[in-house]
């Protein structure tokens, strides 16, 4: 029972972050490892800056796939 509550909490947290525009770094790293194994994932700091630039009109946006 507690396992399913923890999973629900994790997914609700991710959904809440996405609703306010905060991307999930762990999801990004998992995506890179699964679909682009030849690439090294960005550090958290690089990821955060890239997402901020993309959202608020920075250099060019996030490109994947």
PDB file of N, CA and C in Angstrom:
ATOM      1  N   UNK A   1       0.816  -1.192   0.000  1.00  0.00           N
ATOM      2  CA  UNK A   1       0.000   0.000   0.000  1.00  0.00           C
ATOM      3  C   UNK A   1       0.868   1.267   0.000  1.00  0.00           C
ATOM      4  N   UNK A   2       1.900   1.284   0.859  1.00  0.00           N
ATOM      5  CA  UNK A   2       2.748   2.474   0.924  1.00  0.00           C
ATOM      6  C   UNK A   2       3.544   2.668  -0.356  1.00  0.00           C
ATOM      7  N   UNK A   3       3.859   1.561  -1.034  1.00  0.00           N
ATOM      8  CA  UNK A   3       4.576   1.663  -2.303  1.00  0.00           C
ATOM      9  C   UNK A   3       3.734   2.401  -3.335  1.00  0.00           C
ATOM     10  N   UNK A   4       2.457   2.048  -3.425  1.00  0.00           N
ATOM     11  CA  UNK A   4       1.594   2.710  -4.402  1.00  0.00           C
ATOM     12  C   UNK A   4       1.341   4.169  -4.025  1.00  0.00           C
ATOM     13  N   UNK A   5       1.288   4.480  -2.734  1.00  0.00           N
ATOM     14  CA  UNK A   5       1.128   5.872  -2.302  1.00  0.00           C
ATOM     15  C   UNK A   5       2.377   6.675  -2.671  1.00  0.00           C
ATOM     16  N   UNK A   6       3.546   6.083  -2.486  1.00  0.00           N
ATOM     17  CA  UNK A   6       4.797   6.762  -2.837  1.00  0.00           C
ATOM     18  C   UNK A   6       4.864   7.013  -4.341  1.00  0.00           C
ATOM     19  N   UNK A   7       4.469   6.023  -5.134  1.00  0.00           N
ATOM     20  CA  UNK A   7       4.474   6.205  -6.595  1.00  0.00           C
ATOM     21  C   UNK A   7       3.502   7.303  -7.009  1.00  0.00           C
ATOM     22  N   UNK A   8       2.319   7.295  -6.406  1.00  0.00           N
ATOM     23  CA  UNK A   8       1.332   8.330  -6.731  1.00  0.00           C
ATOM     24  C   UNK A   8       1.877   9.706  -6.367  1.00  0.00           C
ATOM     25  N   UNK A   9       2.521   9.808  -5.218  1.00  0.00           N
ATOM     26  CA  UNK A   9       3.106  11.080  -4.810  1.00  0.00           C
ATOM     27  C   UNK A   9       4.172  11.563  -5.775  1.00  0.00           C
ATOM     28  N   UNK A  10       4.983  10.624  -6.251  1.00  0.00           N
ATOM     29  CA  UNK A  10       6.033  10.979  -7.203  1.00  0.00           C
ATOM     30  C   UNK A  10       5.420  11.520  -8.499  1.00  0.00           C
ATOM     31  N   UNK A  11       4.421  10.824  -9.022  1.00  0.00           N
ATOM     32  CA  UNK A  11       3.795  11.249 -10.276  1.00  0.00           C
ATOM     33  C   UNK A  11       3.027  12.555 -10.114  1.00  0.00           C
ATOM     34  N   UNK A  12       2.372  12.737  -8.968  1.00  0.00           N
ATOM     35  CA  UNK A  12       1.679  13.998  -8.728  1.00  0.00           C
ATOM     36  C   UNK A  12       2.674  15.149  -8.623  1.00  0.00           C
ATOM     37  N   UNK A  13       3.813  14.883  -8.002  1.00  0.00           N
ATOM     38  CA  UNK A  13       4.853  15.904  -7.915  1.00  0.00           C
ATOM     39  C   UNK A  13       5.383  16.289  -9.290  1.00  0.00           C
ATOM     40  N   UNK A  14       5.619  15.285 -10.134  1.00  0.00           N
ATOM     41  CA  UNK A  14       6.094  15.556 -11.497  1.00  0.00           C
ATOM     42  C   UNK A  14       5.060  16.362 -12.268  1.00  0.00           C
ATOM     43  N   UNK A  15       3.794  15.973 -12.142  1.00  0.00           N
ATOM     44  CA  UNK A  15       2.722  16.682 -12.855  1.00  0.00           C
ATOM     45  C   UNK A  15       2.630  18.129 -12.391  1.00  0.00           C
ATOM     46  N   UNK A  16       2.722  18.351 -11.085  1.00  0.00           N
ATOM     47  CA  UNK A  16       2.657  19.710 -10.555  1.00  0.00           C
ATOM     48  C   UNK A  16       3.818  20.555 -11.069  1.00  0.00           C
ATOM     49  N   UNK A  17       5.004  19.985 -11.096  1.00  0.00           N
ATOM     50  CA  UNK A  17       6.168  20.725 -11.601  1.00  0.00           C
ATOM     51  C   UNK A  17       5.980  21.082 -13.068  1.00  0.00           C
ATOM     52  N   UNK A  18       5.500  20.137 -13.858  1.00  0.00           N
ATOM     53  CA  UNK A  18       5.306  20.412 -15.282  1.00  0.00           C
ATOM     54  C   UNK A  18       4.239  21.476 -15.507  1.00  0.00           C
ATOM     55  N   UNK A  19       3.214  21.500 -14.650  1.00  0.00           N
ATOM     56  CA  UNK A  19       2.155  22.500 -14.795  1.00  0.00           C
ATOM     57  C   UNK A  19       2.674  23.919 -14.589  1.00  0.00           C
ATOM     58  N   UNK A  20       3.670  24.067 -13.741  1.00  0.00           N
ATOM     59  CA  UNK A  20       4.217  25.402 -13.505  1.00  0.00           C
ATOM     60  C   UNK A  20       5.503  25.636 -14.286  1.00  0.00           C
ATOM     61  N   UNK A  21       5.867  24.695 -15.132  1.00  0.00           N
ATOM     62  CA  UNK A  21       6.997  24.894 -16.032  1.00  0.00           C
ATOM     63  C   UNK A  21       8.343  24.463 -15.512  1.00  0.00           C
ATOM     64  N   UNK A  22       8.384  23.595 -14.511  1.00  0.00           N
ATOM     65  CA  UNK A  22       9.650  23.088 -14.003  1.00  0.00           C
ATOM     66  C   UNK A  22       9.828  21.663 -14.510  1.00  0.00           C
ATOM     67  N   UNK A  23      10.714  21.435 -15.459  1.00  0.00           N
ATOM     68  CA  UNK A  23      10.899  20.087 -16.000  1.00  0.00           C
ATOM     69  C   UNK A  23      11.566  19.154 -14.991  1.00  0.00           C
ATOM     70  N   UNK A  24      11.412  17.867 -15.213  1.00  0.00           N
ATOM     71  CA  UNK A  24      11.940  16.856 -14.310  1.00  0.00           C
ATOM     72  C   UNK A  24      13.274  16.325 -14.833  1.00  0.00           C
ATOM     73  N   UNK A  25      14.342  16.610 -14.118  1.00  0.00           N
ATOM     74  CA  UNK A  25      15.682  16.216 -14.541  1.00  0.00           C
ATOM     75  C   UNK A  25      15.830  14.695 -14.607  1.00  0.00           C
ATOM     76  N   UNK A  26      15.288  13.972 -13.636  1.00  0.00           N
ATOM     77  CA  UNK A  26      15.412  12.513 -13.627  1.00  0.00           C
ATOM     78  C   UNK A  26      14.767  11.890 -14.863  1.00  0.00           C
ATOM     79  N   UNK A  27      13.625  12.427 -15.280  1.00  0.00           N
ATOM     80  CA  UNK A  27      12.958  11.936 -16.481  1.00  0.00           C
ATOM     81  C   UNK A  27      13.814  12.209 -17.714  1.00  0.00           C
ATOM     82  N   UNK A  28      14.419  13.393 -17.762  1.00  0.00           N
ATOM     83  CA  UNK A  28      15.313  13.743 -18.871  1.00  0.00           C
ATOM     84  C   UNK A  28      16.486  12.759 -18.952  1.00  0.00           C
ATOM     85  N   UNK A  29      17.137  12.502 -17.811  1.00  0.00           N
ATOM     86  CA  UNK A  29      18.295  11.604 -17.799  1.00  0.00           C
ATOM     87  C   UNK A  29      17.877  10.210 -18.262  1.00  0.00           C
ATOM     88  N   UNK A  30      16.756   9.720 -17.789  1.00  0.00           N
ATOM     89  CA  UNK A  30      16.265   8.405 -18.200  1.00  0.00           C
ATOM     90  C   UNK A  30      16.009   8.379 -19.709  1.00  0.00           C
ATOM     91  N   UNK A  31      15.406   9.444 -20.241  1.00  0.00           N
ATOM     92  CA  UNK A  31      15.136   9.527 -21.678  1.00  0.00           C
ATOM     93  C   UNK A  31      16.436   9.483 -22.479  1.00  0.00           C
ATOM     94  N   UNK A  32      17.420  10.252 -22.064  1.00  0.00           N
ATOM     95  CA  UNK A  32      18.703  10.281 -22.780  1.00  0.00           C
ATOM     96  C   UNK A  32      19.357   8.908 -22.767  1.00  0.00           C
ATOM     97  N   UNK A  33      19.361   8.267 -21.604  1.00  0.00           N
ATOM     98  CA  UNK A  33      20.002   6.952 -21.502  1.00  0.00           C
ATOM     99  C   UNK A  33      19.300   5.902 -22.363  1.00  0.00           C
ATOM    100  N   UNK A  34      17.980   5.991 -22.467  1.00  0.00           N
ATOM    101  CA  UNK A  34      17.228   4.994 -23.242  1.00  0.00           C
ATOM    102  C   UNK A  34      17.237   5.258 -24.742  1.00  0.00           C
ATOM    103  N   UNK A  35      17.097   6.512 -25.136  1.00  0.00           N
ATOM    104  CA  UNK A  35      16.941   6.803 -26.561  1.00  0.00           C
ATOM    105  C   UNK A  35      18.174   7.374 -27.238  1.00  0.00           C
ATOM    106  N   UNK A  36      19.112   7.881 -26.457  1.00  0.00           N
ATOM    107  CA  UNK A  36      20.334   8.466 -27.008  1.00  0.00           C
ATOM    108  C   UNK A  36      21.540   7.994 -26.186  1.00  0.00           C
ATOM    109  N   UNK A  37      21.797   6.688 -26.137  1.00  0.00           N
ATOM    110  CA  UNK A  37      22.853   6.170 -25.255  1.00  0.00           C
ATOM    111  C   UNK A  37      24.257   6.687 -25.605  1.00  0.00           C
ATOM    112  N   UNK A  38      24.444   7.185 -26.800  1.00  0.00           N
ATOM    113  CA  UNK A  38      25.750   7.691 -27.197  1.00  0.00           C
ATOM    114  C   UNK A  38      26.018   9.092 -26.629  1.00  0.00           C
ATOM    115  N   UNK A  39      24.982   9.759 -26.133  1.00  0.00           N
ATOM    116  CA  UNK A  39      25.128  11.106 -25.596  1.00  0.00           C
ATOM    117  C   UNK A  39      25.324  11.076 -24.080  1.00  0.00           C
ATOM    118  N   UNK A  40      26.046  12.050 -23.594  1.00  0.00           N
ATOM    119  CA  UNK A  40      26.190  12.233 -22.152  1.00  0.00           C
ATOM    120  C   UNK A  40      25.123  13.219 -21.712  1.00  0.00           C
ATOM    121  N   UNK A  41      24.322  12.868 -20.720  1.00  0.00           N
ATOM    122  CA  UNK A  41      23.282  13.808 -20.265  1.00  0.00           C
ATOM    123  C   UNK A  41      23.907  15.090 -19.720  1.00  0.00           C
ATOM    124  N   UNK A  42      23.174  16.186 -19.858  1.00  0.00           N
ATOM    125  CA  UNK A  42      23.618  17.452 -19.291  1.00  0.00           C
ATOM    126  C   UNK A  42      23.637  17.341 -17.768  1.00  0.00           C
ATOM    127  N   UNK A  43      24.444  18.161 -17.143  1.00  0.00           N
ATOM    128  CA  UNK A  43      24.392  18.243 -15.685  1.00  0.00           C
ATOM    129  C   UNK A  43      23.077  18.911 -15.308  1.00  0.00           C
ATOM    130  N   UNK A  44      22.710  18.829 -14.034  1.00  0.00           N
ATOM    131  CA  UNK A  44      21.469  19.464 -13.597  1.00  0.00           C
ATOM    132  C   UNK A  44      21.500  20.963 -13.888  1.00  0.00           C
ATOM    133  N   UNK A  45      22.637  21.589 -13.642  1.00  0.00           N
ATOM    134  CA  UNK A  45      22.764  23.025 -13.868  1.00  0.00           C
ATOM    135  C   UNK A  45      22.599  23.372 -15.350  1.00  0.00           C
ATOM    136  N   UNK A  46      23.233  22.595 -16.237  1.00  0.00           N
ATOM    137  CA  UNK A  46      23.096  22.812 -17.679  1.00  0.00           C
ATOM    138  C   UNK A  46      21.647  22.608 -18.112  1.00  0.00           C
ATOM    139  N   UNK A  47      21.027  21.544 -17.603  1.00  0.00           N
ATOM    140  CA  UNK A  47      19.641  21.228 -17.930  1.00  0.00           C
ATOM    141  C   UNK A  47      18.717  22.369 -17.497  1.00  0.00           C
ATOM    142  N   UNK A  48      18.888  22.845 -16.266  1.00  0.00           N
ATOM    143  CA  UNK A  48      18.035  23.899 -15.747  1.00  0.00           C
ATOM    144  C   UNK A  48      18.178  25.176 -16.575  1.00  0.00           C
ATOM    145  N   UNK A  49      19.418  25.546 -16.890  1.00  0.00           N
ATOM    146  CA  UNK A  49      19.645  26.752 -17.686  1.00  0.00           C
ATOM    147  C   UNK A  49      19.055  26.601 -19.086  1.00  0.00           C
ATOM    148  N   UNK A  50      19.241  25.438 -19.694  1.00  0.00           N
ATOM    149  CA  UNK A  50      18.706  25.200 -21.035  1.00  0.00           C
ATOM    150  C   UNK A  50      17.185  25.301 -21.031  1.00  0.00           C
ATOM    151  N   UNK A  51      16.539  24.729 -20.019  1.00  0.00           N
ATOM    152  CA  UNK A  51      15.077  24.782 -19.920  1.00  0.00           C
ATOM    153  C   UNK A  51      14.598  26.198 -19.678  1.00  0.00           C
ATOM    154  N   UNK A  52      15.313  26.954 -18.848  1.00  0.00           N
ATOM    155  CA  UNK A  52      14.958  28.351 -18.607  1.00  0.00           C
ATOM    156  C   UNK A  52      15.089  29.163 -19.889  1.00  0.00           C
ATOM    157  N   UNK A  53      16.195  28.979 -20.602  1.00  0.00           N
ATOM    158  CA  UNK A  53      16.404  29.693 -21.863  1.00  0.00           C
ATOM    159  C   UNK A  53      15.299  29.358 -22.854  1.00  0.00           C
ATOM    160  N   UNK A  54      14.933  28.095 -22.912  1.00  0.00           N
ATOM    161  CA  UNK A  54      13.888  27.671 -23.837  1.00  0.00           C
ATOM    162  C   UNK A  54      12.542  28.292 -23.479  1.00  0.00           C
ATOM    163  N   UNK A  55      12.233  28.297 -22.212  1.00  0.00           N
ATOM    164  CA  UNK A  55      10.933  28.815 -21.778  1.00  0.00           C
ATOM    165  C   UNK A  55      10.846  30.335 -21.899  1.00  0.00           C
ATOM    166  N   UNK A  56      11.927  31.029 -21.570  1.00  0.00           N
ATOM    167  CA  UNK A  56      11.865  32.484 -21.497  1.00  0.00           C
ATOM    168  C   UNK A  56      12.589  33.182 -22.634  1.00  0.00           C
ATOM    169  N   UNK A  57      12.750  32.489 -23.761  1.00  0.00           N
ATOM    170  CA  UNK A  57      13.289  33.141 -24.935  1.00  0.00           C
ATOM    171  C   UNK A  57      14.795  33.240 -24.987  1.00  0.00           C
ATOM    172  N   UNK A  58      15.466  32.247 -24.479  1.00  0.00           N
ATOM    173  CA  UNK A  58      16.922  32.233 -24.532  1.00  0.00           C
ATOM    174  C   UNK A  58      17.413  31.911 -25.924  1.00  0.00           C
ATOM    175  N   UNK A  59      18.494  31.177 -26.011  1.00  0.00           N
ATOM    176  CA  UNK A  59      19.193  30.967 -27.277  1.00  0.00           C
ATOM    177  C   UNK A  59      18.464  30.214 -28.373  1.00  0.00           C
ATOM    178  N   UNK A  60      17.708  29.191 -28.125  1.00  0.00           N
ATOM    179  CA  UNK A  60      17.111  28.535 -29.269  1.00  0.00           C
ATOM    180  C   UNK A  60      16.153  27.417 -28.936  1.00  0.00           C
ATOM    181  N   UNK A  61      16.132  26.933 -27.749  1.00  0.00           N
ATOM    182  CA  UNK A  61      15.159  25.912 -27.406  1.00  0.00           C
ATOM    183  C   UNK A  61      15.754  24.533 -27.289  1.00  0.00           C
ATOM    184  N   UNK A  62      15.025  23.687 -26.693  1.00  0.00           N
ATOM    185  CA  UNK A  62      15.411  22.299 -26.440  1.00  0.00           C
ATOM    186  C   UNK A  62      15.067  21.467 -27.658  1.00  0.00           C
ATOM    187  N   UNK A  63      16.026  20.755 -28.176  1.00  0.00           N
ATOM    188  CA  UNK A  63      15.787  19.921 -29.354  1.00  0.00           C
ATOM    189  C   UNK A  63      16.102  18.473 -29.014  1.00  0.00           C
ATOM    190  N   UNK A  64      15.159  17.626 -29.238  1.00  0.00           N
ATOM    191  CA  UNK A  64      15.367  16.205 -28.996  1.00  0.00           C
ATOM    192  C   UNK A  64      14.562  15.419 -30.014  1.00  0.00           C
ATOM    193  N   UNK A  65      15.125  14.381 -30.468  1.00  0.00           N
ATOM    194  CA  UNK A  65      14.481  13.437 -31.392  1.00  0.00           C
ATOM    195  C   UNK A  65      14.100  14.088 -32.683  1.00  0.00           C
TER     196      UNK A  65
END
